Amino acid sequence: MTHTLGHLFADLPDASTQEQFQTLAAAAGARVERIVSCGQTTPPDEWYDQDHDEWVVVLQGSARLVIEGQPGEISLGEGDWVDLPTRCRHRVSFTSSEPPCVWLAIHLPAAH
């Protein structure tokens, strides 16, 4: 069996024009993904409405989320995380540009 070694901040892709997604590990319906954002947001008329659970943490920078049916925004700074269950409609309303926002997202099969 071989192993893979990496660093979450090594070789960060340029996200100045487009958000960047990189799958770091995947198995049995689960996926670990590094996301690099640089000012990108979800368009105002769109929502993420996923058929899986997602746990996400901000590693660098900051972001804000809007969750449908909840007042205001959720502010996330370095080390802050949020658990988004299946069908939790949400959108990204802000990501920092300097420094870029680096997220770690863990996508899991729906819990129900």
N, C-alpha and C. Protein backbone atom coordinates (compact mmCIF):
# COMPACT_ATOMS: atom_id res chain seq x y z
N MET A 1 0.84 -1.17 0.00
CA MET A 1 0.00 0.00 0.00
C MET A 1 0.88 1.24 0.00
N THR A 2 0.52 2.22 -0.81
CA THR A 2 1.28 3.47 -0.85
C THR A 2 0.48 4.57 -0.16
N HIS A 3 1.15 5.59 0.21
CA HIS A 3 0.48 6.73 0.84
C HIS A 3 0.77 7.98 0.03
N THR A 4 -0.01 9.02 0.28
CA THR A 4 0.17 10.30 -0.38
C THR A 4 0.42 11.34 0.69
N LEU A 5 1.34 12.21 0.42
CA LEU A 5 1.71 13.26 1.35
C LEU A 5 1.52 14.60 0.66
N GLY A 6 1.00 15.57 1.37
CA GLY A 6 0.80 16.88 0.77
C GLY A 6 0.76 17.96 1.82
N HIS A 7 0.58 19.18 1.38
CA HIS A 7 0.47 20.33 2.27
C HIS A 7 -0.68 21.17 1.74
N LEU A 8 -1.61 21.55 2.62
CA LEU A 8 -2.83 22.24 2.19
C LEU A 8 -2.58 23.60 1.55
N PHE A 9 -1.42 24.22 1.83
CA PHE A 9 -1.14 25.53 1.26
C PHE A 9 -0.08 25.48 0.16
N ALA A 10 0.37 24.29 -0.18
CA ALA A 10 1.38 24.16 -1.24
C ALA A 10 0.71 24.29 -2.60
N ASP A 11 1.37 24.97 -3.50
CA ASP A 11 0.92 25.08 -4.89
C ASP A 11 -0.53 25.54 -4.99
N LEU A 12 -0.90 26.57 -4.25
CA LEU A 12 -2.26 27.09 -4.36
C LEU A 12 -2.50 27.58 -5.78
N PRO A 13 -3.58 27.13 -6.39
CA PRO A 13 -3.85 27.57 -7.76
C PRO A 13 -4.31 29.03 -7.78
N ASP A 14 -4.14 29.67 -8.91
CA ASP A 14 -4.58 31.05 -9.09
C ASP A 14 -6.09 31.07 -9.22
N ALA A 15 -6.76 31.68 -8.25
CA ALA A 15 -8.22 31.75 -8.26
C ALA A 15 -8.69 33.17 -8.56
N SER A 16 -7.83 33.98 -9.14
CA SER A 16 -8.19 35.39 -9.37
C SER A 16 -9.34 35.55 -10.36
N THR A 17 -9.52 34.61 -11.27
CA THR A 17 -10.62 34.73 -12.23
C THR A 17 -11.67 33.65 -12.07
N GLN A 18 -11.32 32.57 -11.39
CA GLN A 18 -12.27 31.46 -11.22
C GLN A 18 -11.92 30.67 -9.97
N GLU A 19 -12.94 30.33 -9.18
CA GLU A 19 -12.75 29.50 -8.00
C GLU A 19 -12.14 28.16 -8.42
N GLN A 20 -11.22 27.65 -7.59
CA GLN A 20 -10.50 26.43 -7.93
C GLN A 20 -10.83 25.31 -6.94
N PHE A 21 -11.12 24.12 -7.47
CA PHE A 21 -11.48 22.95 -6.68
C PHE A 21 -10.48 21.84 -6.95
N GLN A 22 -10.00 21.20 -5.89
CA GLN A 22 -9.07 20.07 -6.03
C GLN A 22 -9.49 18.96 -5.07
N THR A 23 -9.78 17.78 -5.62
CA THR A 23 -10.08 16.63 -4.78
C THR A 23 -8.78 16.09 -4.23
N LEU A 24 -8.69 16.01 -2.90
CA LEU A 24 -7.48 15.51 -2.24
C LEU A 24 -7.58 14.03 -1.90
N ALA A 25 -8.81 13.56 -1.66
CA ALA A 25 -9.03 12.15 -1.34
C ALA A 25 -10.49 11.82 -1.61
N ALA A 26 -10.74 10.58 -1.99
CA ALA A 26 -12.12 10.14 -2.24
C ALA A 26 -12.21 8.64 -2.04
N ALA A 27 -13.33 8.20 -1.44
CA ALA A 27 -13.57 6.77 -1.24
C ALA A 27 -15.00 6.57 -0.76
N ALA A 28 -15.63 5.52 -1.20
CA ALA A 28 -16.94 5.08 -0.70
C ALA A 28 -17.95 6.21 -0.53
N GLY A 29 -18.10 7.03 -1.54
CA GLY A 29 -19.09 8.09 -1.50
C GLY A 29 -18.68 9.33 -0.73
N ALA A 30 -17.46 9.38 -0.25
CA ALA A 30 -16.95 10.55 0.48
C ALA A 30 -15.84 11.21 -0.35
N ARG A 31 -15.70 12.53 -0.17
CA ARG A 31 -14.67 13.26 -0.92
C ARG A 31 -14.14 14.39 -0.05
N VAL A 32 -12.83 14.57 -0.04
CA VAL A 32 -12.18 15.69 0.64
C VAL A 32 -11.66 16.62 -0.45
N GLU A 33 -12.01 17.89 -0.33
CA GLU A 33 -11.74 18.83 -1.41
C GLU A 33 -11.14 20.11 -0.85
N ARG A 34 -10.12 20.61 -1.54
CA ARG A 34 -9.58 21.94 -1.22
C ARG A 34 -10.19 22.91 -2.22
N ILE A 35 -10.71 24.01 -1.70
CA ILE A 35 -11.32 25.04 -2.54
C ILE A 35 -10.56 26.34 -2.31
N VAL A 36 -10.18 27.00 -3.38
CA VAL A 36 -9.52 28.30 -3.27
C VAL A 36 -10.41 29.32 -3.96
N SER A 37 -10.82 30.34 -3.18
CA SER A 37 -11.70 31.40 -3.68
C SER A 37 -10.98 32.73 -3.54
N CYS A 38 -11.26 33.61 -4.47
CA CYS A 38 -10.64 34.93 -4.45
C CYS A 38 -11.68 35.96 -4.85
N GLY A 39 -12.62 36.20 -3.93
CA GLY A 39 -13.68 37.15 -4.19
C GLY A 39 -14.92 36.56 -4.85
N GLN A 40 -14.88 35.28 -5.21
CA GLN A 40 -16.04 34.66 -5.86
C GLN A 40 -17.18 34.48 -4.87
N THR A 41 -18.41 34.58 -5.40
CA THR A 41 -19.61 34.34 -4.62
C THR A 41 -20.59 33.55 -5.48
N THR A 42 -21.62 33.03 -4.84
CA THR A 42 -22.69 32.37 -5.57
C THR A 42 -23.59 33.46 -6.15
N PRO A 43 -23.96 33.37 -7.42
CA PRO A 43 -24.86 34.38 -7.98
C PRO A 43 -26.12 34.52 -7.11
N PRO A 44 -26.66 35.75 -6.98
CA PRO A 44 -27.79 36.01 -6.07
C PRO A 44 -29.02 35.13 -6.31
N ASP A 45 -29.24 34.68 -7.51
CA ASP A 45 -30.43 33.88 -7.82
C ASP A 45 -30.16 32.38 -7.80
N GLU A 46 -28.99 31.97 -7.32
CA GLU A 46 -28.64 30.54 -7.29
C GLU A 46 -28.39 30.08 -5.86
N TRP A 47 -28.62 28.78 -5.62
CA TRP A 47 -28.39 28.16 -4.31
C TRP A 47 -27.68 26.84 -4.51
N TYR A 48 -26.80 26.50 -3.59
CA TYR A 48 -26.31 25.11 -3.51
C TYR A 48 -27.42 24.31 -2.83
N ASP A 49 -27.79 23.21 -3.43
CA ASP A 49 -28.85 22.34 -2.91
C ASP A 49 -28.38 20.91 -3.18
N GLN A 50 -27.53 20.41 -2.31
CA GLN A 50 -26.77 19.19 -2.57
C GLN A 50 -27.48 17.94 -2.06
N ASP A 51 -27.22 16.83 -2.73
CA ASP A 51 -27.79 15.54 -2.33
C ASP A 51 -26.85 14.78 -1.38
N HIS A 52 -25.95 15.50 -0.74
CA HIS A 52 -25.02 14.91 0.23
C HIS A 52 -24.76 15.92 1.35
N ASP A 53 -24.22 15.42 2.46
CA ASP A 53 -23.82 16.29 3.57
C ASP A 53 -22.46 16.91 3.23
N GLU A 54 -22.23 18.12 3.75
CA GLU A 54 -20.94 18.78 3.54
C GLU A 54 -20.50 19.44 4.84
N TRP A 55 -19.29 19.17 5.24
CA TRP A 55 -18.66 19.82 6.39
C TRP A 55 -17.53 20.65 5.80
N VAL A 56 -17.50 21.95 6.12
CA VAL A 56 -16.50 22.83 5.51
C VAL A 56 -15.86 23.71 6.57
N VAL A 57 -14.54 23.92 6.44
CA VAL A 57 -13.79 24.77 7.35
C VAL A 57 -12.97 25.76 6.52
N VAL A 58 -12.88 26.99 7.02
CA VAL A 58 -12.02 27.99 6.39
C VAL A 58 -10.63 27.86 7.01
N LEU A 59 -9.64 27.63 6.17
CA LEU A 59 -8.26 27.48 6.64
C LEU A 59 -7.49 28.78 6.58
N GLN A 60 -7.83 29.61 5.59
CA GLN A 60 -7.15 30.90 5.39
C GLN A 60 -8.18 31.89 4.86
N GLY A 61 -8.05 33.13 5.26
CA GLY A 61 -8.96 34.16 4.77
C GLY A 61 -10.29 34.13 5.50
N SER A 62 -11.33 34.56 4.79
CA SER A 62 -12.65 34.62 5.41
C SER A 62 -13.73 34.47 4.35
N ALA A 63 -14.94 34.17 4.83
CA ALA A 63 -16.08 33.98 3.94
C ALA A 63 -17.36 34.25 4.70
N ARG A 64 -18.44 34.43 3.95
CA ARG A 64 -19.76 34.54 4.55
C ARG A 64 -20.73 33.67 3.75
N LEU A 65 -21.63 33.01 4.49
CA LEU A 65 -22.65 32.16 3.88
C LEU A 65 -24.03 32.68 4.23
N VAL A 66 -24.96 32.44 3.34
CA VAL A 66 -26.38 32.67 3.60
C VAL A 66 -27.04 31.30 3.55
N ILE A 67 -27.82 30.98 4.57
CA ILE A 67 -28.56 29.71 4.61
C ILE A 67 -30.04 30.05 4.50
N GLU A 68 -30.68 29.43 3.53
CA GLU A 68 -32.10 29.72 3.28
C GLU A 68 -32.92 29.54 4.56
N GLY A 69 -33.77 30.53 4.84
CA GLY A 69 -34.65 30.46 5.99
C GLY A 69 -34.04 30.94 7.29
N GLN A 70 -32.75 31.29 7.27
CA GLN A 70 -32.11 31.81 8.48
C GLN A 70 -31.77 33.28 8.28
N PRO A 71 -31.97 34.10 9.30
CA PRO A 71 -31.70 35.53 9.15
C PRO A 71 -30.21 35.82 9.06
N GLY A 72 -29.86 36.81 8.28
CA GLY A 72 -28.48 37.28 8.21
C GLY A 72 -27.53 36.30 7.55
N GLU A 73 -26.26 36.60 7.74
CA GLU A 73 -25.19 35.80 7.15
C GLU A 73 -24.40 35.13 8.26
N ILE A 74 -23.73 34.05 7.92
CA ILE A 74 -22.80 33.38 8.82
C ILE A 74 -21.40 33.81 8.40
N SER A 75 -20.66 34.43 9.29
CA SER A 75 -19.28 34.85 9.01
C SER A 75 -18.33 33.75 9.44
N LEU A 76 -17.41 33.41 8.57
CA LEU A 76 -16.42 32.38 8.84
C LEU A 76 -15.03 32.96 8.69
N GLY A 77 -14.21 32.78 9.73
CA GLY A 77 -12.81 33.17 9.67
C GLY A 77 -11.96 31.92 9.78
N GLU A 78 -10.68 32.11 9.85
CA GLU A 78 -9.76 30.97 9.90
C GLU A 78 -10.08 30.07 11.09
N GLY A 79 -10.30 28.81 10.80
CA GLY A 79 -10.62 27.82 11.82
C GLY A 79 -12.11 27.61 12.03
N ASP A 80 -12.95 28.50 11.50
CA ASP A 80 -14.40 28.34 11.65
C ASP A 80 -14.92 27.31 10.67
N TRP A 81 -15.87 26.50 11.14
CA TRP A 81 -16.44 25.46 10.29
C TRP A 81 -17.96 25.46 10.41
N VAL A 82 -18.60 24.85 9.41
CA VAL A 82 -20.04 24.72 9.40
C VAL A 82 -20.40 23.36 8.80
N ASP A 83 -21.43 22.74 9.37
CA ASP A 83 -21.94 21.46 8.89
C ASP A 83 -23.21 21.75 8.10
N LEU A 84 -23.23 21.37 6.83
CA LEU A 84 -24.36 21.63 5.94
C LEU A 84 -25.00 20.30 5.56
N PRO A 85 -26.11 19.96 6.19
CA PRO A 85 -26.73 18.67 5.88
C PRO A 85 -27.35 18.67 4.47
N THR A 86 -27.64 17.48 3.99
CA THR A 86 -28.27 17.31 2.70
C THR A 86 -29.47 18.25 2.55
N ARG A 87 -29.57 18.88 1.40
CA ARG A 87 -30.68 19.78 1.03
C ARG A 87 -30.73 21.07 1.83
N CYS A 88 -29.67 21.39 2.56
CA CYS A 88 -29.57 22.68 3.24
C CYS A 88 -29.16 23.71 2.17
N ARG A 89 -30.17 24.44 1.69
CA ARG A 89 -29.90 25.40 0.62
C ARG A 89 -29.07 26.56 1.17
N HIS A 90 -27.93 26.80 0.51
CA HIS A 90 -27.02 27.84 0.98
C HIS A 90 -26.31 28.47 -0.20
N ARG A 91 -25.75 29.63 0.06
CA ARG A 91 -24.97 30.32 -0.96
C ARG A 91 -23.82 31.06 -0.29
N VAL A 92 -22.77 31.28 -1.05
CA VAL A 92 -21.60 32.02 -0.58
C VAL A 92 -21.81 33.48 -0.96
N SER A 93 -21.84 34.37 0.04
CA SER A 93 -22.09 35.79 -0.23
C SER A 93 -20.81 36.64 -0.21
N PHE A 94 -19.70 36.06 0.26
CA PHE A 94 -18.43 36.78 0.30
C PHE A 94 -17.29 35.80 0.46
N THR A 95 -16.18 36.04 -0.24
CA THR A 95 -14.90 35.37 0.04
C THR A 95 -13.80 36.42 -0.06
N SER A 96 -12.82 36.31 0.82
CA SER A 96 -11.71 37.27 0.82
C SER A 96 -10.84 37.09 -0.42
N SER A 97 -10.22 38.19 -0.81
CA SER A 97 -9.28 38.16 -1.95
C SER A 97 -7.84 38.21 -1.48
N GLU A 98 -7.61 38.93 -0.38
CA GLU A 98 -6.26 39.10 0.13
C GLU A 98 -6.28 38.88 1.63
N PRO A 99 -5.94 37.70 2.12
CA PRO A 99 -5.48 36.56 1.33
C PRO A 99 -6.66 35.82 0.69
N PRO A 100 -6.36 35.00 -0.31
CA PRO A 100 -7.43 34.17 -0.86
C PRO A 100 -8.05 33.30 0.23
N CYS A 101 -9.31 32.98 0.06
CA CYS A 101 -10.01 32.10 1.00
C CYS A 101 -9.69 30.65 0.62
N VAL A 102 -9.14 29.92 1.55
CA VAL A 102 -8.85 28.49 1.33
C VAL A 102 -9.76 27.70 2.25
N TRP A 103 -10.57 26.85 1.64
CA TRP A 103 -11.53 26.01 2.35
C TRP A 103 -11.08 24.56 2.28
N LEU A 104 -11.50 23.79 3.26
CA LEU A 104 -11.40 22.33 3.19
C LEU A 104 -12.82 21.83 3.34
N ALA A 105 -13.31 21.12 2.33
CA ALA A 105 -14.68 20.62 2.34
C ALA A 105 -14.65 19.09 2.36
N ILE A 106 -15.47 18.53 3.23
CA ILE A 106 -15.61 17.09 3.30
C ILE A 106 -17.05 16.77 2.91
N HIS A 107 -17.21 16.06 1.80
CA HIS A 107 -18.52 15.69 1.28
C HIS A 107 -18.78 14.24 1.70
N LEU A 108 -19.93 14.02 2.33
CA LEU A 108 -20.26 12.70 2.88
C LEU A 108 -21.64 12.25 2.38
N PRO A 109 -21.86 10.95 2.31
CA PRO A 109 -23.21 10.49 1.94
C PRO A 109 -24.24 11.06 2.91
N ALA A 110 -25.44 11.27 2.41
CA ALA A 110 -26.52 11.80 3.24
C ALA A 110 -26.69 10.92 4.48
N ALA A 111 -26.90 11.57 5.63
CA ALA A 111 -27.00 10.85 6.89
C ALA A 111 -28.34 10.12 7.05
N HIS A 112 -29.33 10.48 6.27
CA HIS A 112 -30.64 9.85 6.43
C HIS A 112 -30.95 8.88 5.31
